[in-house]
Amino acid sequence: MNMVSGGLLRTTDASRATPEAVFDLIAANTPLRRVTTPEEAADAVLFFASPWARAVTGQNLIVDGGLVFG
C-alpha cells in the first residue's frame, strides 16, 4: 500500500477558512515559494496508480512543495 500526504492545500473545503496570512507564511517557508494545490496532490495519486509505480510499495509520498524538507 502506498499513500500520498499533502500539507496545507490551496484551496479545499477544509482550507477555505484559512486566513490569507497563513498561506503567505507557508509559501514563504516552502522551497517552491507557493502553497500546493489539490491538483498537484492528485498528480501524485495518479503516479501511484500508473505503471511507472508498479514496483513501488509501502511508500508515503509527501506532496507539500518541500515544506517538510525546508
PDB file of N, CA and C in Angstrom:
ATOM      1  N   MET A   1       0.845  -1.168   0.000  1.00  0.00           N
ATOM      2  CA  MET A   1       0.000   0.000   0.000  1.00  0.00           C
ATOM      3  C   MET A   1       0.892   1.232   0.000  1.00  0.00           C
ATOM      4  N   ASN A   2       0.530   2.196  -0.778  1.00  0.00           N
ATOM      5  CA  ASN A   2       1.212   3.491  -0.828  1.00  0.00           C
ATOM      6  C   ASN A   2       0.238   4.571  -0.402  1.00  0.00           C
ATOM      7  N   MET A   3       0.784   5.711  -0.020  1.00  0.00           N
ATOM      8  CA  MET A   3      -0.108   6.821   0.330  1.00  0.00           C
ATOM      9  C   MET A   3       0.524   8.145  -0.056  1.00  0.00           C
ATOM     10  N   VAL A   4      -0.338   9.117  -0.219  1.00  0.00           N
ATOM     11  CA  VAL A   4       0.081  10.480  -0.526  1.00  0.00           C
ATOM     12  C   VAL A   4      -0.330  11.360   0.638  1.00  0.00           C
ATOM     13  N   SER A   5       0.637  12.104   1.176  1.00  0.00           N
ATOM     14  CA  SER A   5       0.356  13.036   2.270  1.00  0.00           C
ATOM     15  C   SER A   5       0.538  14.452   1.750  1.00  0.00           C
ATOM     16  N   GLY A   6      -0.510  15.222   1.810  1.00  0.00           N
ATOM     17  CA  GLY A   6      -0.431  16.619   1.404  1.00  0.00           C
ATOM     18  C   GLY A   6      -0.361  17.501   2.636  1.00  0.00           C
ATOM     19  N   GLY A   7       0.273  18.615   2.495  1.00  0.00           N
ATOM     20  CA  GLY A   7       0.244  19.596   3.570  1.00  0.00           C
ATOM     21  C   GLY A   7      -1.006  20.447   3.404  1.00  0.00           C
ATOM     22  N   LEU A   8      -0.896  21.696   3.744  1.00  0.00           N
ATOM     23  CA  LEU A   8      -1.995  22.630   3.505  1.00  0.00           C
ATOM     24  C   LEU A   8      -2.158  22.770   1.995  1.00  0.00           C
ATOM     25  N   LEU A   9      -3.357  22.533   1.518  1.00  0.00           N
ATOM     26  CA  LEU A   9      -3.631  22.627   0.084  1.00  0.00           C
ATOM     27  C   LEU A   9      -4.458  23.864  -0.209  1.00  0.00           C
ATOM     28  N   ARG A  10      -4.165  24.473  -1.330  1.00  0.00           N
ATOM     29  CA  ARG A  10      -4.882  25.682  -1.715  1.00  0.00           C
ATOM     30  C   ARG A  10      -5.766  25.390  -2.900  1.00  0.00           C
ATOM     31  N   THR A  11      -6.955  25.501  -2.885  1.00  0.00           N
ATOM     32  CA  THR A  11      -7.898  25.707  -1.792  1.00  0.00           C
ATOM     33  C   THR A  11      -8.847  24.519  -1.792  1.00  0.00           C
ATOM     34  N   THR A  12      -9.132  24.005  -0.631  1.00  0.00           N
ATOM     35  CA  THR A  12     -10.073  22.902  -0.474  1.00  0.00           C
ATOM     36  C   THR A  12     -11.166  23.356   0.481  1.00  0.00           C
ATOM     37  N   ASP A  13     -12.180  22.536   0.655  1.00  0.00           N
ATOM     38  CA  ASP A  13     -13.224  22.881   1.626  1.00  0.00           C
ATOM     39  C   ASP A  13     -12.617  23.078   3.008  1.00  0.00           C
ATOM     40  N   ALA A  14     -11.636  22.247   3.355  1.00  0.00           N
ATOM     41  CA  ALA A  14     -11.020  22.339   4.681  1.00  0.00           C
ATOM     42  C   ALA A  14     -10.163  23.595   4.842  1.00  0.00           C
ATOM     43  N   SER A  15      -9.525  24.058   3.767  1.00  0.00           N
ATOM     44  CA  SER A  15      -8.635  25.217   3.893  1.00  0.00           C
ATOM     45  C   SER A  15      -9.305  26.534   3.515  1.00  0.00           C
ATOM     46  N   ARG A  16     -10.551  26.480   3.112  1.00  0.00           N
ATOM     47  CA  ARG A  16     -11.249  27.698   2.680  1.00  0.00           C
ATOM     48  C   ARG A  16     -11.310  28.756   3.787  1.00  0.00           C
ATOM     49  N   ALA A  17     -11.373  28.317   5.035  1.00  0.00           N
ATOM     50  CA  ALA A  17     -11.462  29.254   6.156  1.00  0.00           C
ATOM     51  C   ALA A  17     -10.087  29.706   6.654  1.00  0.00           C
ATOM     52  N   THR A  18      -9.031  29.198   6.041  1.00  0.00           N
ATOM     53  CA  THR A  18      -7.679  29.557   6.458  1.00  0.00           C
ATOM     54  C   THR A  18      -7.377  30.999   6.055  1.00  0.00           C
ATOM     55  N   PRO A  19      -6.908  31.813   6.998  1.00  0.00           N
ATOM     56  CA  PRO A  19      -6.579  33.207   6.666  1.00  0.00           C
ATOM     57  C   PRO A  19      -5.458  33.292   5.620  1.00  0.00           C
ATOM     58  N   GLU A  20      -5.518  34.303   4.788  1.00  0.00           N
ATOM     59  CA  GLU A  20      -4.510  34.506   3.747  1.00  0.00           C
ATOM     60  C   GLU A  20      -3.111  34.607   4.339  1.00  0.00           C
ATOM     61  N   ALA A  21      -2.993  35.160   5.551  1.00  0.00           N
ATOM     62  CA  ALA A  21      -1.689  35.290   6.204  1.00  0.00           C
ATOM     63  C   ALA A  21      -1.043  33.927   6.440  1.00  0.00           C
ATOM     64  N   VAL A  22      -1.842  32.913   6.699  1.00  0.00           N
ATOM     65  CA  VAL A  22      -1.306  31.559   6.897  1.00  0.00           C
ATOM     66  C   VAL A  22      -0.758  31.026   5.577  1.00  0.00           C
ATOM     67  N   PHE A  23      -1.496  31.223   4.488  1.00  0.00           N
ATOM     68  CA  PHE A  23      -0.997  30.807   3.176  1.00  0.00           C
ATOM     69  C   PHE A  23       0.319  31.521   2.851  1.00  0.00           C
ATOM     70  N   ASP A  24       0.396  32.807   3.164  1.00  0.00           N
ATOM     71  CA  ASP A  24       1.614  33.580   2.910  1.00  0.00           C
ATOM     72  C   ASP A  24       2.784  33.038   3.720  1.00  0.00           C
ATOM     73  N   LEU A  25       2.547  32.685   4.978  1.00  0.00           N
ATOM     74  CA  LEU A  25       3.590  32.138   5.849  1.00  0.00           C
ATOM     75  C   LEU A  25       4.081  30.789   5.322  1.00  0.00           C
ATOM     76  N   ILE A  26       3.145  29.932   4.936  1.00  0.00           N
ATOM     77  CA  ILE A  26       3.517  28.626   4.382  1.00  0.00           C
ATOM     78  C   ILE A  26       4.342  28.820   3.110  1.00  0.00           C
ATOM     79  N   ALA A  27       3.882  29.673   2.215  1.00  0.00           N
ATOM     80  CA  ALA A  27       4.601  29.913   0.960  1.00  0.00           C
ATOM     81  C   ALA A  27       6.005  30.448   1.224  1.00  0.00           C
ATOM     82  N   ALA A  28       6.150  31.334   2.175  1.00  0.00           N
ATOM     83  CA  ALA A  28       7.453  31.924   2.486  1.00  0.00           C
ATOM     84  C   ALA A  28       8.434  30.897   3.035  1.00  0.00           C
ATOM     85  N   ASN A  29       7.930  29.822   3.627  1.00  0.00           N
ATOM     86  CA  ASN A  29       8.782  28.806   4.239  1.00  0.00           C
ATOM     87  C   ASN A  29       8.853  27.520   3.424  1.00  0.00           C
ATOM     88  N   THR A  30       8.436  27.579   2.184  1.00  0.00           N
ATOM     89  CA  THR A  30       8.452  26.433   1.287  1.00  0.00           C
ATOM     90  C   THR A  30       9.445  26.710   0.163  1.00  0.00           C
ATOM     91  N   PRO A  31      10.317  25.753  -0.165  1.00  0.00           N
ATOM     92  CA  PRO A  31      11.283  25.988  -1.240  1.00  0.00           C
ATOM     93  C   PRO A  31      10.657  26.441  -2.561  1.00  0.00           C
ATOM     94  N   LEU A  32       9.450  25.970  -2.877  1.00  0.00           N
ATOM     95  CA  LEU A  32       8.795  26.397  -4.118  1.00  0.00           C
ATOM     96  C   LEU A  32       8.147  27.770  -4.001  1.00  0.00           C
ATOM     97  N   ARG A  33       8.091  28.310  -2.786  1.00  0.00           N
ATOM     98  CA  ARG A  33       7.529  29.642  -2.512  1.00  0.00           C
ATOM     99  C   ARG A  33       6.063  29.769  -2.915  1.00  0.00           C
ATOM    100  N   ARG A  34       5.335  28.662  -2.765  1.00  0.00           N
ATOM    101  CA  ARG A  34       3.897  28.689  -3.013  1.00  0.00           C
ATOM    102  C   ARG A  34       3.261  27.532  -2.263  1.00  0.00           C
ATOM    103  N   VAL A  35       1.952  27.553  -2.174  1.00  0.00           N
ATOM    104  CA  VAL A  35       1.199  26.507  -1.484  1.00  0.00           C
ATOM    105  C   VAL A  35       0.748  25.474  -2.516  1.00  0.00           C
ATOM    106  N   THR A  36       0.868  24.220  -2.160  1.00  0.00           N
ATOM    107  CA  THR A  36       0.495  23.114  -3.039  1.00  0.00           C
ATOM    108  C   THR A  36      -1.002  23.138  -3.347  1.00  0.00           C
ATOM    109  N   THR A  37      -1.351  22.704  -4.540  1.00  0.00           N
ATOM    110  CA  THR A  37      -2.758  22.659  -4.948  1.00  0.00           C
ATOM    111  C   THR A  37      -3.292  21.224  -4.867  1.00  0.00           C
ATOM    112  N   PRO A  38      -4.605  21.075  -4.773  1.00  0.00           N
ATOM    113  CA  PRO A  38      -5.188  19.728  -4.800  1.00  0.00           C
ATOM    114  C   PRO A  38      -4.822  18.971  -6.085  1.00  0.00           C
ATOM    115  N   GLU A  39      -4.698  19.677  -7.190  1.00  0.00           N
ATOM    116  CA  GLU A  39      -4.333  19.035  -8.453  1.00  0.00           C
ATOM    117  C   GLU A  39      -2.935  18.419  -8.377  1.00  0.00           C
ATOM    118  N   GLU A  40      -2.025  19.089  -7.666  1.00  0.00           N
ATOM    119  CA  GLU A  40      -0.670  18.545  -7.517  1.00  0.00           C
ATOM    120  C   GLU A  40      -0.677  17.286  -6.649  1.00  0.00           C
ATOM    121  N   ALA A  41      -1.497  17.267  -5.622  1.00  0.00           N
ATOM    122  CA  ALA A  41      -1.638  16.055  -4.808  1.00  0.00           C
ATOM    123  C   ALA A  41      -2.251  14.937  -5.647  1.00  0.00           C
ATOM    124  N   ALA A  42      -3.228  15.277  -6.469  1.00  0.00           N
ATOM    125  CA  ALA A  42      -3.863  14.283  -7.339  1.00  0.00           C
ATOM    126  C   ALA A  42      -2.863  13.711  -8.342  1.00  0.00           C
ATOM    127  N   ASP A  43      -1.921  14.521  -8.801  1.00  0.00           N
ATOM    128  CA  ASP A  43      -0.889  14.022  -9.717  1.00  0.00           C
ATOM    129  C   ASP A  43      -0.078  12.904  -9.065  1.00  0.00           C
ATOM    130  N   ALA A  44       0.210  13.046  -7.775  1.00  0.00           N
ATOM    131  CA  ALA A  44       0.957  12.008  -7.058  1.00  0.00           C
ATOM    132  C   ALA A  44       0.137  10.727  -6.943  1.00  0.00           C
ATOM    133  N   VAL A  45      -1.152  10.864  -6.701  1.00  0.00           N
ATOM    134  CA  VAL A  45      -2.036   9.693  -6.652  1.00  0.00           C
ATOM    135  C   VAL A  45      -2.056   9.016  -8.017  1.00  0.00           C
ATOM    136  N   LEU A  46      -2.136   9.814  -9.065  1.00  0.00           N
ATOM    137  CA  LEU A  46      -2.127   9.274 -10.424  1.00  0.00           C
ATOM    138  C   LEU A  46      -0.831   8.514 -10.695  1.00  0.00           C
ATOM    139  N   PHE A  47       0.285   9.034 -10.215  1.00  0.00           N
ATOM    140  CA  PHE A  47       1.561   8.327 -10.363  1.00  0.00           C
ATOM    141  C   PHE A  47       1.495   6.953  -9.714  1.00  0.00           C
ATOM    142  N   PHE A  48       1.005   6.884  -8.475  1.00  0.00           N
ATOM    143  CA  PHE A  48       0.918   5.596  -7.788  1.00  0.00           C
ATOM    144  C   PHE A  48      -0.003   4.622  -8.523  1.00  0.00           C
ATOM    145  N   ALA A  49      -0.992   5.137  -9.222  1.00  0.00           N
ATOM    146  CA  ALA A  49      -1.932   4.286  -9.954  1.00  0.00           C
ATOM    147  C   ALA A  49      -1.424   3.918 -11.350  1.00  0.00           C
ATOM    148  N   SER A  50      -0.288   4.463 -11.731  1.00  0.00           N
ATOM    149  CA  SER A  50       0.229   4.255 -13.082  1.00  0.00           C
ATOM    150  C   SER A  50       1.202   3.071 -13.138  1.00  0.00           C
ATOM    151  N   PRO A  51       1.513   2.610 -14.339  1.00  0.00           N
ATOM    152  CA  PRO A  51       2.509   1.544 -14.500  1.00  0.00           C
ATOM    153  C   PRO A  51       3.901   1.949 -14.011  1.00  0.00           C
ATOM    154  N   TRP A  52       4.193   3.247 -13.970  1.00  0.00           N
ATOM    155  CA  TRP A  52       5.509   3.700 -13.517  1.00  0.00           C
ATOM    156  C   TRP A  52       5.771   3.356 -12.057  1.00  0.00           C
ATOM    157  N   ALA A  53       4.727   3.128 -11.299  1.00  0.00           N
ATOM    158  CA  ALA A  53       4.886   2.821  -9.873  1.00  0.00           C
ATOM    159  C   ALA A  53       4.659   1.339  -9.584  1.00  0.00           C
ATOM    160  N   ARG A  54       4.739   0.495 -10.595  1.00  0.00           N
ATOM    161  CA  ARG A  54       4.389  -0.916 -10.404  1.00  0.00           C
ATOM    162  C   ARG A  54       5.288  -1.625  -9.395  1.00  0.00           C
ATOM    163  N   ALA A  55       6.498  -1.157  -9.166  1.00  0.00           N
ATOM    164  CA  ALA A  55       7.386  -1.788  -8.192  1.00  0.00           C
ATOM    165  C   ALA A  55       7.512  -0.966  -6.914  1.00  0.00           C
ATOM    166  N   VAL A  56       6.695   0.045  -6.768  1.00  0.00           N
ATOM    167  CA  VAL A  56       6.734   0.905  -5.583  1.00  0.00           C
ATOM    168  C   VAL A  56       5.696   0.399  -4.590  1.00  0.00           C
ATOM    169  N   THR A  57       6.129   0.122  -3.381  1.00  0.00           N
ATOM    170  CA  THR A  57       5.194  -0.356  -2.367  1.00  0.00           C
ATOM    171  C   THR A  57       5.621   0.124  -0.986  1.00  0.00           C
ATOM    172  N   GLY A  58       4.652   0.384  -0.149  1.00  0.00           N
ATOM    173  CA  GLY A  58       4.924   0.807   1.223  1.00  0.00           C
ATOM    174  C   GLY A  58       5.501   2.205   1.344  1.00  0.00           C
ATOM    175  N   GLN A  59       5.169   3.084   0.425  1.00  0.00           N
ATOM    176  CA  GLN A  59       5.748   4.425   0.420  1.00  0.00           C
ATOM    177  C   GLN A  59       4.721   5.492   0.761  1.00  0.00           C
ATOM    178  N   ASN A  60       5.219   6.545   1.388  1.00  0.00           N
ATOM    179  CA  ASN A  60       4.424   7.734   1.677  1.00  0.00           C
ATOM    180  C   ASN A  60       5.055   8.880   0.905  1.00  0.00           C
ATOM    181  N   LEU A  61       4.372   9.368  -0.096  1.00  0.00           N
ATOM    182  CA  LEU A  61       4.873  10.473  -0.907  1.00  0.00           C
ATOM    183  C   LEU A  61       4.308  11.773  -0.346  1.00  0.00           C
ATOM    184  N   ILE A  62       5.190  12.603   0.178  1.00  0.00           N
ATOM    185  CA  ILE A  62       4.773  13.872   0.774  1.00  0.00           C
ATOM    186  C   ILE A  62       4.730  14.926  -0.328  1.00  0.00           C
ATOM    187  N   VAL A  63       3.556  15.482  -0.545  1.00  0.00           N
ATOM    188  CA  VAL A  63       3.350  16.479  -1.595  1.00  0.00           C
ATOM    189  C   VAL A  63       3.017  17.792  -0.901  1.00  0.00           C
ATOM    190  N   ASP A  64       4.069  18.544  -0.569  1.00  0.00           N
ATOM    191  CA  ASP A  64       3.866  19.800   0.160  1.00  0.00           C
ATOM    192  C   ASP A  64       4.789  20.905  -0.340  1.00  0.00           C
ATOM    193  N   GLY A  65       5.349  20.720  -1.539  1.00  0.00           N
ATOM    194  CA  GLY A  65       6.225  21.742  -2.101  1.00  0.00           C
ATOM    195  C   GLY A  65       7.550  21.885  -1.381  1.00  0.00           C
ATOM    196  N   GLY A  66       7.899  20.914  -0.541  1.00  0.00           N
ATOM    197  CA  GLY A  66       9.158  20.961   0.194  1.00  0.00           C
ATOM    198  C   GLY A  66       9.048  21.560   1.577  1.00  0.00           C
ATOM    199  N   LEU A  67       7.841  21.813   2.055  1.00  0.00           N
ATOM    200  CA  LEU A  67       7.674  22.435   3.373  1.00  0.00           C
ATOM    201  C   LEU A  67       8.316  21.599   4.473  1.00  0.00           C
ATOM    202  N   VAL A  68       8.098  20.285   4.463  1.00  0.00           N
ATOM    203  CA  VAL A  68       8.683  19.422   5.495  1.00  0.00           C
ATOM    204  C   VAL A  68      10.195  19.442   5.398  1.00  0.00           C
ATOM    205  N   PHE A  69      10.721  19.431   4.183  1.00  0.00           N
ATOM    206  CA  PHE A  69      12.162  19.470   3.957  1.00  0.00           C
ATOM    207  C   PHE A  69      12.754  20.800   4.394  1.00  0.00           C
ATOM    208  N   GLY A  70      12.044  21.898   4.039  1.00  0.00           N
ATOM    209  CA  GLY A  70      12.549  23.240   4.301  1.00  0.00           C
ATOM    210  C   GLY A  70      12.520  23.555   5.743  1.00  0.00           C
TER     211      GLY A  70
END
